Protein backbone atom coordinates (compact mmCIF):
# COMPACT_ATOMS: atom_id res chain seq x y z
CA MET A 1 -20.03 -19.42 6.96
CA ASP A 2 -19.35 -21.81 9.82
CA ASP A 3 -15.64 -21.08 10.22
CA ILE A 4 -15.90 -17.26 10.32
CA ASP A 5 -15.06 -15.79 13.71
CA LEU A 6 -15.58 -12.31 15.12
CA LYS A 7 -12.14 -11.13 13.99
CA THR A 8 -12.85 -11.54 10.27
CA SER A 9 -14.73 -9.35 7.82
CA GLU A 10 -17.76 -10.99 6.24
CA LEU A 11 -18.70 -10.04 2.70
CA CYS A 12 -22.37 -10.71 2.08
CA LEU A 13 -24.75 -10.29 -0.85
CA ASN A 14 -28.53 -10.69 -0.51
CA LEU A 15 -30.84 -10.94 -3.51
CA VAL A 16 -34.64 -10.92 -3.53
CA VAL A 17 -35.87 -13.22 -6.31
CA PRO A 18 -39.36 -14.24 -7.48
CA SER A 19 -40.11 -17.63 -5.95
CA GLN A 20 -40.72 -19.28 -9.32
CA ASP A 21 -37.16 -18.34 -10.41
CA ILE A 22 -35.23 -19.07 -7.24
CA MET A 23 -33.90 -22.51 -8.22
CA GLN A 24 -32.70 -21.22 -11.57
CA PHE A 25 -30.89 -18.36 -9.84
CA PHE A 26 -29.46 -20.77 -7.26
CA MET A 27 -27.95 -23.09 -9.88
CA GLN A 28 -26.68 -20.27 -12.08
CA TRP A 29 -25.12 -18.42 -9.16
CA GLN A 30 -23.21 -21.52 -8.08
CA ARG A 31 -21.63 -21.89 -11.51
CA TYR A 32 -20.94 -18.17 -11.79
CA ARG A 33 -19.20 -17.95 -8.41
CA LYS A 34 -17.15 -21.09 -8.99
CA TYR A 35 -16.03 -19.64 -12.35
CA TRP A 36 -15.10 -16.37 -10.64
CA TRP A 37 -12.91 -18.14 -8.10
CA SER A 38 -11.22 -20.15 -10.85
CA SER A 39 -10.56 -17.00 -12.89
CA ILE A 40 -8.57 -15.20 -10.19
CA THR A 41 -6.21 -18.02 -9.22
CA THR A 42 -3.30 -19.77 -10.89
CA THR A 43 -4.94 -23.19 -10.43
CA PRO A 44 -8.49 -23.14 -11.90
CA SER A 45 -9.07 -26.78 -10.91
CA LEU A 46 -8.54 -25.90 -7.25
CA PHE A 47 -12.23 -25.19 -6.65
CA LYS A 48 -15.28 -27.45 -6.57
CA LEU A 49 -18.89 -27.31 -5.42
CA SER A 50 -20.08 -29.33 -2.45
CA ASP A 51 -23.30 -31.31 -2.46
CA ILE A 52 -26.42 -29.23 -1.89
CA LYS A 53 -27.74 -29.46 1.65
CA GLN A 54 -31.48 -28.91 2.05
CA GLU A 55 -33.45 -28.46 5.23
CA GLY A 56 -37.08 -27.39 5.14
CA ASN A 57 -37.41 -24.24 3.05
CA ALA A 58 -33.66 -23.57 3.02
CA ALA A 59 -30.79 -24.96 0.95
CA ASN A 60 -27.10 -24.16 0.73
CA VAL A 61 -23.97 -25.15 -1.16
CA ASN A 62 -20.31 -24.42 -0.46
CA ILE A 63 -17.50 -23.55 -2.85
CA LEU A 64 -14.48 -25.53 -1.68
CA ALA A 65 -10.75 -25.08 -2.25
CA ASN A 66 -9.01 -28.46 -2.44
CA PHE A 67 -5.59 -28.05 -0.86
CA ASN A 68 -3.14 -30.86 -0.13
CA TRP A 69 -4.00 -30.71 3.56
CA GLY A 70 -7.77 -30.80 2.99
CA GLN A 71 -10.74 -28.76 1.86
CA LYS A 72 -11.37 -25.12 2.75
CA ILE A 73 -14.79 -23.45 2.47
CA VAL A 74 -14.26 -20.17 0.63
CA GLU A 75 -17.86 -19.17 -0.04
CA THR A 76 -21.38 -20.25 0.90
CA ILE A 77 -24.46 -19.75 -1.28
CA SER A 78 -27.87 -20.31 0.28
CA ILE A 79 -31.54 -19.78 -0.50
CA ASN A 80 -34.66 -19.40 1.59
CA THR A 81 -38.09 -20.05 0.08
CA GLU A 82 -40.40 -19.42 3.04
CA SER A 83 -42.40 -16.72 1.22
CA THR A 84 -44.82 -17.73 -1.52
CA GLU A 85 -44.12 -14.70 -3.73
CA THR A 86 -40.45 -13.87 -3.14
CA SER A 87 -37.44 -15.90 -2.08
CA TYR A 88 -33.98 -14.94 -0.91
CA LEU A 89 -30.54 -15.84 -2.23
CA ASN A 90 -27.58 -15.19 0.04
CA CYS A 91 -23.90 -15.30 -0.85
CA LYS A 92 -21.21 -14.79 1.79
CA MET A 93 -17.49 -15.22 2.37
CA SER A 94 -14.78 -14.08 4.74
CA PHE A 95 -12.53 -11.42 3.22
CA GLU A 96 -9.53 -12.69 5.18
CA ASP A 97 -10.18 -16.30 4.17
CA ALA A 98 -10.50 -15.27 0.53
CA LEU A 99 -7.18 -13.43 0.60
CA PHE A 100 -5.52 -16.34 2.43
CA THR A 101 -6.80 -18.78 -0.20
CA ILE A 102 -5.48 -16.69 -3.09
CA LEU A 103 -2.07 -16.22 -1.48
CA LEU A 104 -1.80 -19.90 -0.57
CA ASP A 105 -2.66 -20.90 -4.13
CA GLY A 106 0.08 -18.58 -5.40
CA LEU A 107 2.63 -20.16 -3.06
CA TRP A 108 1.68 -23.74 -3.88
CA ASN A 109 1.12 -23.54 -7.62
CA SER A 110 3.15 -25.96 -9.72
CA THR A 111 4.74 -23.37 -12.02
CA ASN A 112 7.97 -21.52 -11.39
CA GLU A 113 6.40 -18.16 -12.20
CA GLU A 114 6.96 -15.77 -9.31
CA TYR A 115 3.88 -13.72 -10.07
CA LEU A 116 0.99 -12.61 -7.89
CA ARG A 117 -2.30 -11.75 -9.58
CA LEU A 118 -4.37 -9.36 -7.51
CA HIS A 119 -7.40 -7.34 -8.54
CA ASN A 120 -6.72 -3.62 -8.52
CA LYS A 121 -9.04 -3.14 -5.54
CA MET A 122 -7.09 -5.74 -3.52
CA ALA A 123 -3.56 -4.70 -4.48
CA PRO A 124 -1.71 -2.98 -1.59
CA TYR A 125 -0.05 -0.67 -4.12
CA LYS A 126 -1.91 0.50 -7.23
CA ILE A 127 1.06 1.91 -9.13
CA ALA A 128 4.81 1.29 -9.02
CA LEU A 129 7.54 3.42 -10.53
CA ALA A 130 10.54 1.76 -12.17
CA LEU A 131 13.64 3.25 -13.79
CA ASP A 132 15.06 2.05 -17.11
CA TYR A 133 18.40 3.61 -18.03
CA GLU A 134 21.71 2.87 -19.75
CA ASP A 135 23.64 5.99 -18.81
CA SER A 136 24.21 6.06 -15.05
CA ASN A 137 24.50 9.85 -15.24
CA ASN A 138 20.73 10.00 -15.75
CA ILE A 139 19.76 7.96 -12.70
CA GLY A 140 19.65 10.95 -10.38
CA THR A 141 17.32 12.92 -12.64
CA LEU A 142 15.08 9.89 -13.21
CA ARG A 143 14.89 9.22 -9.49
CA GLU A 144 13.90 12.82 -8.76
CA LEU A 145 11.21 12.60 -11.45
CA ALA A 146 9.91 9.35 -9.95
CA ILE A 147 9.74 10.90 -6.47
CA LEU A 148 7.83 13.90 -7.84
CA ILE A 149 5.30 11.66 -9.62
CA ALA A 150 4.92 9.50 -6.50
CA HIS A 151 4.11 12.57 -4.37
CA LYS A 152 1.47 13.71 -6.88
CA LEU A 153 -0.11 10.25 -6.94
CA GLU A 154 -0.14 9.99 -3.15
CA ALA A 155 -1.83 13.40 -3.02
CA ARG A 156 -4.70 11.82 -4.99
CA ASN A 157 -4.84 8.89 -2.51
CA ILE A 158 -3.28 6.50 -5.02
CA SER A 159 -0.95 4.15 -3.13
CA THR A 160 2.40 4.16 -4.89
CA TRP A 161 5.42 1.86 -4.65
CA LEU A 162 8.80 3.49 -5.26
CA PRO A 163 11.34 0.70 -4.77
CA ASN A 164 15.09 0.61 -5.26
CA VAL A 165 14.81 -2.74 -7.00
CA LEU A 166 14.56 -4.18 -10.49
CA LEU A 167 11.30 -4.18 -12.45
CA PRO A 168 10.25 -7.87 -11.96
CA LEU A 169 9.47 -7.37 -8.26
CA GLU A 170 6.40 -5.25 -9.05
CA SER A 171 4.73 -8.29 -10.60
CA GLN A 172 5.74 -10.50 -7.70
CA ILE A 173 4.03 -8.31 -5.10
CA GLY A 174 0.86 -7.78 -7.12
CA VAL A 175 1.18 -4.12 -8.16
CA THR A 176 -1.40 -3.52 -10.89
CA TYR A 177 0.38 -0.87 -12.96
CA THR A 178 4.06 -0.04 -13.34
CA ALA A 179 5.22 3.26 -14.83
CA ILE A 180 8.59 2.67 -16.50
CA LEU A 181 10.53 5.93 -16.65
CA SER A 182 13.38 5.88 -19.17
CA GLU A 183 15.94 8.25 -20.63
CA PHE A 184 13.46 8.96 -23.44
CA THR A 185 11.05 10.25 -20.78
CA LEU A 186 13.53 12.99 -19.95
CA SER A 187 13.52 14.23 -23.54
CA ASN A 188 9.88 13.82 -24.64
CA GLY A 189 7.86 13.20 -21.45
CA ILE A 190 6.59 9.82 -22.70
CA PHE A 191 6.87 6.59 -20.70
CA ASN A 192 5.46 3.06 -20.80
CA LEU A 193 2.71 2.05 -18.38
CA LEU A 194 2.72 -1.73 -17.86
CA ASN A 195 -0.51 -3.51 -16.92
CA SER A 196 0.48 -6.55 -14.84
CA SER A 197 -2.79 -8.35 -15.65
CA THR A 198 -2.36 -8.26 -19.43
CA MET A 199 1.41 -7.56 -19.59
CA LEU A 200 0.62 -4.92 -22.23
CA LYS A 201 2.24 -1.49 -22.29
CA GLU A 202 0.73 1.82 -23.30
CA HIS A 203 2.45 5.15 -23.95
CA ILE A 204 1.53 7.88 -21.47
CA HIS A 205 2.69 11.50 -21.20
CA ILE A 206 3.76 12.71 -17.78
CA ALA A 207 1.41 15.69 -17.96
CA ASP A 208 -1.61 13.37 -18.30
CA PHE A 209 -0.53 10.61 -15.95
CA VAL A 210 -1.92 11.67 -12.58
CA CYS A 211 -5.44 12.24 -13.95
CA TYR A 212 -5.27 9.01 -15.95
CA ALA A 213 -4.05 7.07 -12.91
CA ALA A 214 -6.93 8.46 -10.85
CA LEU A 215 -9.34 7.22 -13.52
CA LEU A 216 -7.74 3.74 -13.55
CA CYS A 217 -7.86 3.47 -9.78
CA GLY A 218 -11.37 4.88 -9.38
CA LYS A 219 -10.23 8.06 -7.65
CA LYS A 220 -11.94 11.38 -8.29
C-alpha cells in the first residue's frame, strides 16, 4: 500500500492460485473484501472499488473509503501472473489505517447512536462488569463480587473493564460482552451476559463464567 510508512503494521495475505483460475479469484476476492469492510462499519455505502490498474503481468485494485475530505485507500488487492502454472494473489492493509477508518466512520455516521462496533479480537476490553440493583444496601456486596470475577478473568488473560459508570458506556467503547450482576445473582448465582454485537442476553452461572469467558475469547 503506497501510504504505509515504517511506523505502521502491515497485514498481508498471499495466496497461490492455479493460473487458469487467477482472474476468477481476483474478481471474487474484490467483492468479498468490499463486503467485509461494509459489514463492520455503520455506513455500508462508505466503501467502493477503484478501477483495476494493469501493468505487464501484474494487476491491482484498491478498496476506497469515501470520506467528506476525500478518498482513503484501506486495502489493496493485487495479482501476479508471471508463472505459467501458478499465479499469486496478494491482499494487504495497514492495521492502524483500518482502525482509524472504522473509528472515523463511527464518529461521522449520520445516526445519533453512540455505539462502537468492534470485533472481539480488536476490542480493548473483552468483558465488562455492570451492576444492576434497586436496594443500595446490596451495592457493596455486588461490587466485591464484580472485583472477584474481574481478578479471575484477568488471571486468564481476559482484559476486563470494571467501571463505576452506567451500563450504556460499555457499548460506546466497544466492549464485546457485558456481565450484568444483579440482586438475583446474590441469591441464585445467575446473571445476564449481554452480547454487544447482537444485543441478546444469555443466563450464565457464576461458577461456569470464567471457563465460558475463556472459550468466548479464545483463551485456553
